[in-house]
N, C-alpha and C. Protein backbone atom coordinates (compact mmCIF):
# COMPACT_ATOMS: atom_id res chain seq x y z
N UNK A 1 -23.38 22.59 -0.90
CA UNK A 1 -24.32 22.46 -2.00
C UNK A 1 -24.69 20.98 -2.16
N UNK A 2 -25.97 20.76 -2.47
CA UNK A 2 -26.45 19.40 -2.66
C UNK A 2 -25.82 18.79 -3.90
N UNK A 3 -25.67 17.49 -3.86
CA UNK A 3 -25.12 16.76 -4.99
C UNK A 3 -26.09 16.86 -6.17
N UNK A 4 -25.58 16.99 -7.35
CA UNK A 4 -26.39 17.13 -8.56
C UNK A 4 -26.02 16.04 -9.56
N UNK A 5 -27.00 15.65 -10.37
CA UNK A 5 -26.78 14.72 -11.47
C UNK A 5 -27.08 15.47 -12.76
N UNK A 6 -26.31 15.24 -13.77
CA UNK A 6 -26.54 15.89 -15.06
C UNK A 6 -27.31 14.96 -15.97
N UNK A 7 -28.31 15.53 -16.66
CA UNK A 7 -29.07 14.77 -17.66
C UNK A 7 -29.29 15.71 -18.85
N UNK A 8 -29.55 15.14 -19.98
CA UNK A 8 -29.90 15.93 -21.17
C UNK A 8 -31.40 15.83 -21.39
N UNK A 9 -32.01 16.96 -21.71
CA UNK A 9 -33.45 17.00 -21.95
C UNK A 9 -33.69 17.75 -23.25
N UNK A 10 -34.54 17.22 -24.10
CA UNK A 10 -34.91 17.91 -25.33
C UNK A 10 -36.19 18.70 -25.08
N UNK A 11 -36.20 19.95 -25.51
CA UNK A 11 -37.39 20.80 -25.39
C UNK A 11 -37.64 21.44 -26.74
N UNK A 12 -38.83 22.00 -26.91
CA UNK A 12 -39.14 22.69 -28.16
C UNK A 12 -38.36 24.01 -28.19
N UNK A 13 -38.21 24.59 -29.37
CA UNK A 13 -37.53 25.89 -29.45
C UNK A 13 -38.22 26.96 -28.58
N UNK A 14 -39.54 26.94 -28.54
CA UNK A 14 -40.27 27.90 -27.72
C UNK A 14 -39.95 27.72 -26.24
N UNK A 15 -39.89 26.46 -25.81
CA UNK A 15 -39.54 26.19 -24.41
C UNK A 15 -38.11 26.62 -24.11
N UNK A 16 -37.21 26.38 -25.05
CA UNK A 16 -35.82 26.80 -24.86
C UNK A 16 -35.73 28.32 -24.75
N UNK A 17 -36.48 29.03 -25.59
CA UNK A 17 -36.50 30.50 -25.51
C UNK A 17 -37.05 30.96 -24.16
N UNK A 18 -38.11 30.30 -23.72
CA UNK A 18 -38.70 30.66 -22.43
C UNK A 18 -37.71 30.45 -21.29
N UNK A 19 -37.05 29.31 -21.28
CA UNK A 19 -36.06 29.02 -20.24
C UNK A 19 -34.95 30.06 -20.27
N UNK A 20 -34.46 30.36 -21.45
CA UNK A 20 -33.38 31.33 -21.58
C UNK A 20 -33.83 32.72 -21.13
N UNK A 21 -35.07 33.08 -21.42
CA UNK A 21 -35.57 34.40 -21.03
C UNK A 21 -35.65 34.53 -19.50
N UNK A 22 -35.97 33.45 -18.83
CA UNK A 22 -36.01 33.49 -17.36
C UNK A 22 -34.62 33.70 -16.77
N UNK A 23 -33.62 33.10 -17.40
CA UNK A 23 -32.24 33.28 -16.95
C UNK A 23 -31.78 34.71 -17.28
N UNK A 24 -32.06 35.18 -18.50
CA UNK A 24 -31.66 36.53 -18.91
C UNK A 24 -32.28 37.59 -17.99
N UNK A 25 -33.50 37.35 -17.56
CA UNK A 25 -34.20 38.34 -16.72
C UNK A 25 -33.56 38.46 -15.33
N UNK A 26 -32.75 37.48 -14.98
CA UNK A 26 -32.13 37.48 -13.67
C UNK A 26 -32.97 36.80 -12.60
N UNK A 27 -34.14 36.34 -13.02
CA UNK A 27 -35.02 35.66 -12.07
C UNK A 27 -34.40 34.34 -11.60
N UNK A 28 -33.68 33.70 -12.49
CA UNK A 28 -32.98 32.46 -12.18
C UNK A 28 -31.53 32.59 -12.66
N UNK A 29 -30.65 31.84 -12.03
CA UNK A 29 -29.24 31.92 -12.40
C UNK A 29 -28.87 30.96 -13.52
N UNK A 30 -29.69 29.92 -13.72
CA UNK A 30 -29.38 28.95 -14.76
C UNK A 30 -30.65 28.23 -15.19
N UNK A 31 -30.58 27.60 -16.35
CA UNK A 31 -31.70 26.79 -16.83
C UNK A 31 -31.95 25.64 -15.86
N UNK A 32 -30.88 25.09 -15.31
CA UNK A 32 -31.05 24.00 -14.34
C UNK A 32 -31.87 24.45 -13.14
N UNK A 33 -31.65 25.68 -12.69
CA UNK A 33 -32.41 26.20 -11.56
C UNK A 33 -33.89 26.34 -11.92
N UNK A 34 -34.18 26.78 -13.15
CA UNK A 34 -35.56 26.89 -13.61
C UNK A 34 -36.22 25.52 -13.61
N UNK A 35 -35.54 24.54 -14.15
CA UNK A 35 -36.10 23.19 -14.25
C UNK A 35 -36.34 22.61 -12.85
N UNK A 36 -35.39 22.80 -11.94
CA UNK A 36 -35.59 22.30 -10.57
C UNK A 36 -36.79 22.97 -9.92
N UNK A 37 -36.94 24.28 -10.13
CA UNK A 37 -38.09 25.00 -9.56
C UNK A 37 -39.40 24.47 -10.14
N UNK A 38 -39.40 24.16 -11.43
CA UNK A 38 -40.61 23.64 -12.08
C UNK A 38 -40.94 22.22 -11.61
N UNK A 39 -39.91 21.46 -11.29
CA UNK A 39 -40.14 20.07 -10.87
C UNK A 39 -40.71 19.95 -9.46
N UNK A 40 -40.39 20.91 -8.60
CA UNK A 40 -40.84 20.80 -7.20
C UNK A 40 -42.36 20.65 -7.05
N UNK A 41 -43.17 21.52 -7.67
CA UNK A 41 -44.63 21.33 -7.53
C UNK A 41 -45.11 20.03 -8.18
N UNK A 42 -44.46 19.62 -9.28
CA UNK A 42 -44.82 18.36 -9.92
C UNK A 42 -44.57 17.19 -8.97
N UNK A 43 -43.40 17.21 -8.32
CA UNK A 43 -43.07 16.15 -7.35
C UNK A 43 -44.09 16.14 -6.21
N UNK A 44 -44.46 17.33 -5.74
CA UNK A 44 -45.43 17.41 -4.65
C UNK A 44 -46.78 16.83 -5.07
N UNK A 45 -47.26 17.23 -6.26
CA UNK A 45 -48.55 16.71 -6.74
C UNK A 45 -48.52 15.19 -6.86
N UNK A 46 -47.40 14.64 -7.35
CA UNK A 46 -47.28 13.19 -7.47
C UNK A 46 -47.33 12.52 -6.10
N UNK A 47 -46.66 13.12 -5.11
CA UNK A 47 -46.66 12.55 -3.76
C UNK A 47 -48.08 12.58 -3.17
N UNK A 48 -48.78 13.68 -3.39
CA UNK A 48 -50.16 13.80 -2.90
C UNK A 48 -51.04 12.75 -3.57
N UNK A 49 -50.87 12.59 -4.87
CA UNK A 49 -51.66 11.59 -5.61
C UNK A 49 -51.38 10.18 -5.09
N UNK A 50 -50.10 9.85 -4.89
CA UNK A 50 -49.75 8.51 -4.36
C UNK A 50 -50.38 8.30 -2.99
N UNK A 51 -50.35 9.31 -2.14
CA UNK A 51 -50.94 9.19 -0.81
C UNK A 51 -52.45 8.99 -0.91
N UNK A 52 -53.09 9.70 -1.83
CA UNK A 52 -54.54 9.57 -2.00
C UNK A 52 -54.89 8.19 -2.52
N UNK A 53 -54.09 7.66 -3.43
CA UNK A 53 -54.33 6.31 -3.94
C UNK A 53 -54.21 5.29 -2.80
N UNK A 54 -53.19 5.45 -1.97
CA UNK A 54 -53.01 4.53 -0.84
C UNK A 54 -54.18 4.65 0.15
N UNK A 55 -54.65 5.89 0.39
CA UNK A 55 -55.80 6.09 1.27
C UNK A 55 -57.03 5.39 0.69
N UNK A 56 -57.23 5.52 -0.62
CA UNK A 56 -58.38 4.88 -1.27
C UNK A 56 -58.27 3.36 -1.19
N UNK A 57 -57.07 2.84 -1.40
CA UNK A 57 -56.89 1.38 -1.29
C UNK A 57 -57.22 0.90 0.12
N UNK A 58 -56.79 1.65 1.11
CA UNK A 58 -57.09 1.29 2.50
C UNK A 58 -58.59 1.32 2.77
N UNK A 59 -59.26 2.35 2.23
CA UNK A 59 -60.71 2.45 2.42
C UNK A 59 -61.43 1.31 1.73
N UNK A 60 -60.96 0.93 0.54
CA UNK A 60 -61.57 -0.19 -0.17
C UNK A 60 -61.38 -1.48 0.61
N UNK A 61 -60.17 -1.69 1.12
CA UNK A 61 -59.90 -2.91 1.90
C UNK A 61 -60.77 -2.93 3.16
N UNK A 62 -60.89 -1.77 3.82
CA UNK A 62 -61.73 -1.72 5.03
C UNK A 62 -63.19 -1.98 4.69
N UNK A 63 -63.64 -1.42 3.56
CA UNK A 63 -65.02 -1.65 3.13
C UNK A 63 -65.28 -3.11 2.79
N UNK A 64 -64.30 -3.74 2.14
CA UNK A 64 -64.46 -5.16 1.81
C UNK A 64 -64.51 -6.00 3.08
N UNK A 65 -63.67 -5.64 4.06
CA UNK A 65 -63.68 -6.34 5.34
C UNK A 65 -65.02 -6.15 6.05
N UNK A 66 -65.53 -4.90 6.05
CA UNK A 66 -66.84 -4.64 6.65
C UNK A 66 -67.91 -5.49 5.98
N UNK A 67 -67.87 -5.56 4.67
CA UNK A 67 -68.85 -6.35 3.93
C UNK A 67 -68.74 -7.82 4.31
N UNK A 68 -67.52 -8.33 4.38
CA UNK A 68 -67.30 -9.73 4.77
C UNK A 68 -67.84 -10.01 6.17
N UNK A 69 -67.75 -9.01 7.05
CA UNK A 69 -68.21 -9.17 8.43
C UNK A 69 -69.69 -8.86 8.59
N UNK A 70 -70.35 -8.50 7.48
CA UNK A 70 -71.78 -8.21 7.54
C UNK A 70 -72.10 -6.81 8.03
N UNK A 71 -71.10 -5.94 8.12
CA UNK A 71 -71.33 -4.56 8.54
C UNK A 71 -71.64 -3.73 7.30
N UNK A 72 -72.88 -3.31 7.18
CA UNK A 72 -73.31 -2.53 6.01
C UNK A 72 -74.13 -1.33 6.46
N UNK A 73 -74.33 -0.39 5.53
CA UNK A 73 -75.21 0.75 5.78
C UNK A 73 -76.15 0.88 4.60
N UNK A 74 -77.25 1.57 4.81
CA UNK A 74 -78.21 1.80 3.73
C UNK A 74 -77.55 2.65 2.65
N UNK A 75 -77.92 2.41 1.41
CA UNK A 75 -77.34 3.14 0.28
C UNK A 75 -77.47 4.64 0.41
N UNK A 76 -78.64 5.14 0.82
CA UNK A 76 -78.83 6.59 0.96
C UNK A 76 -77.89 7.18 1.99
N UNK A 77 -77.70 6.49 3.10
CA UNK A 77 -76.79 6.96 4.15
C UNK A 77 -75.36 7.00 3.61
N UNK A 78 -74.96 5.93 2.94
CA UNK A 78 -73.61 5.87 2.39
C UNK A 78 -73.35 7.04 1.45
N UNK A 79 -74.26 7.25 0.49
CA UNK A 79 -74.03 8.30 -0.50
C UNK A 79 -74.10 9.70 0.12
N UNK A 80 -74.93 9.90 1.12
CA UNK A 80 -74.98 11.19 1.81
C UNK A 80 -73.65 11.46 2.51
N UNK A 81 -73.11 10.44 3.21
CA UNK A 81 -71.82 10.59 3.90
C UNK A 81 -70.68 10.77 2.90
N UNK A 82 -70.76 10.03 1.80
CA UNK A 82 -69.72 10.12 0.78
C UNK A 82 -69.71 11.51 0.14
N UNK A 83 -70.91 12.03 -0.18
CA UNK A 83 -71.01 13.37 -0.75
C UNK A 83 -70.44 14.41 0.20
N UNK A 84 -70.73 14.25 1.49
CA UNK A 84 -70.20 15.20 2.48
C UNK A 84 -68.68 15.13 2.53
N UNK A 85 -68.11 13.93 2.48
CA UNK A 85 -66.65 13.77 2.49
C UNK A 85 -66.03 14.40 1.25
N UNK A 86 -66.64 14.16 0.09
CA UNK A 86 -66.12 14.74 -1.15
C UNK A 86 -66.19 16.26 -1.10
N UNK A 87 -67.28 16.81 -0.56
CA UNK A 87 -67.40 18.26 -0.43
C UNK A 87 -66.30 18.81 0.48
N UNK A 88 -66.01 18.12 1.59
CA UNK A 88 -64.95 18.56 2.50
C UNK A 88 -63.60 18.54 1.81
N UNK A 89 -63.32 17.48 1.07
CA UNK A 89 -62.04 17.38 0.35
C UNK A 89 -61.91 18.46 -0.71
N UNK A 90 -62.99 18.73 -1.42
CA UNK A 90 -62.95 19.77 -2.45
C UNK A 90 -62.69 21.14 -1.82
N UNK A 91 -63.35 21.42 -0.71
CA UNK A 91 -63.15 22.69 -0.02
C UNK A 91 -61.71 22.80 0.50
N UNK A 92 -61.18 21.72 1.06
CA UNK A 92 -59.79 21.73 1.55
C UNK A 92 -58.83 21.95 0.39
N UNK A 93 -59.11 21.35 -0.75
CA UNK A 93 -58.27 21.54 -1.93
C UNK A 93 -58.29 22.98 -2.39
N UNK A 94 -59.47 23.60 -2.37
CA UNK A 94 -59.58 25.01 -2.77
C UNK A 94 -58.80 25.92 -1.83
N UNK A 95 -58.80 25.60 -0.55
CA UNK A 95 -58.06 26.43 0.42
C UNK A 95 -56.56 26.31 0.21
N UNK A 96 -56.07 25.14 -0.26
CA UNK A 96 -54.65 24.94 -0.50
C UNK A 96 -54.17 25.57 -1.79
N UNK A 97 -55.07 25.71 -2.78
CA UNK A 97 -54.69 26.22 -4.09
C UNK A 97 -54.78 27.75 -4.08
N UNK A 98 -53.65 28.41 -4.43
CA UNK A 98 -53.65 29.88 -4.44
C UNK A 98 -54.51 30.45 -5.53
């Protein structure tokens, strides 16, 4: 079994009832198991967000370097390509989301 750390967390009475109901139903063996299950997608979303921020920072740095080197494109071309990239990302996000 993986090593565990104990922490105390305050929740509302409604949240406590919900957690307890999940354990009572047999879906989970403990409140800790429920909390760990809830944290996994949150951790994943945070990791995805951090990666996207780093990708954006890299793109900004590359764009600034291109600008410094005199490599530019017409505004209409840029926005057309950018819109296409955003559309692709949105479609990929929809495919990942159940």
